[in-house]
Amino acid sequence: MFNIVLLVFAVTVLFLLLINRSNMRRFDEDIDEIRASLFEHRKNNRAAQAELNRRFAEIRVQIMKAHDQMPEDRNPFYINADCIACGTCLPECPVDAINEGEIYQINPQTCIACKKCADVCPVHACQPLIQS
């Protein structure tokens, strides 16, 4: 009789463990789905931030050129959403025009368009502001 009770108890425990493991798999799948969603949201947010930075820089350049504060032929650089914030470009800029952040920014007023940042960027995130 004791062996039967022990066997029933063991089967019950095993069954509960299997149910718990199944639930854990579902929780893991939910976590993976949430992570993917957050990654996509962050990617979209970075792209929007980079586009706003680019548009703002374009407007600043147009204003400076209109007021003869910048030569007409200068085309400063900006940093797009591909930026991984590695910091490789910072020491290369001779005029310290690059600001740190989740996506680095180049101050178009300070940028002399020397292209040194673009030459060292591992992901080619430094681009001319006005594409020719």
Foldseek 3Di string as FASTA:
>chain_A
DVVVVVVVVVVVVVVVVVVVVVVVVVVVVVVVVVVVVVVVVVLVVLQVVQVVLLVVQVVVVVVCVVVVNDDPPFFFKWFGSQDCQPCQLQVQQPQRQWDGDNTITGRNSRGRRPCSSQVRDPRSRIDGSDDD
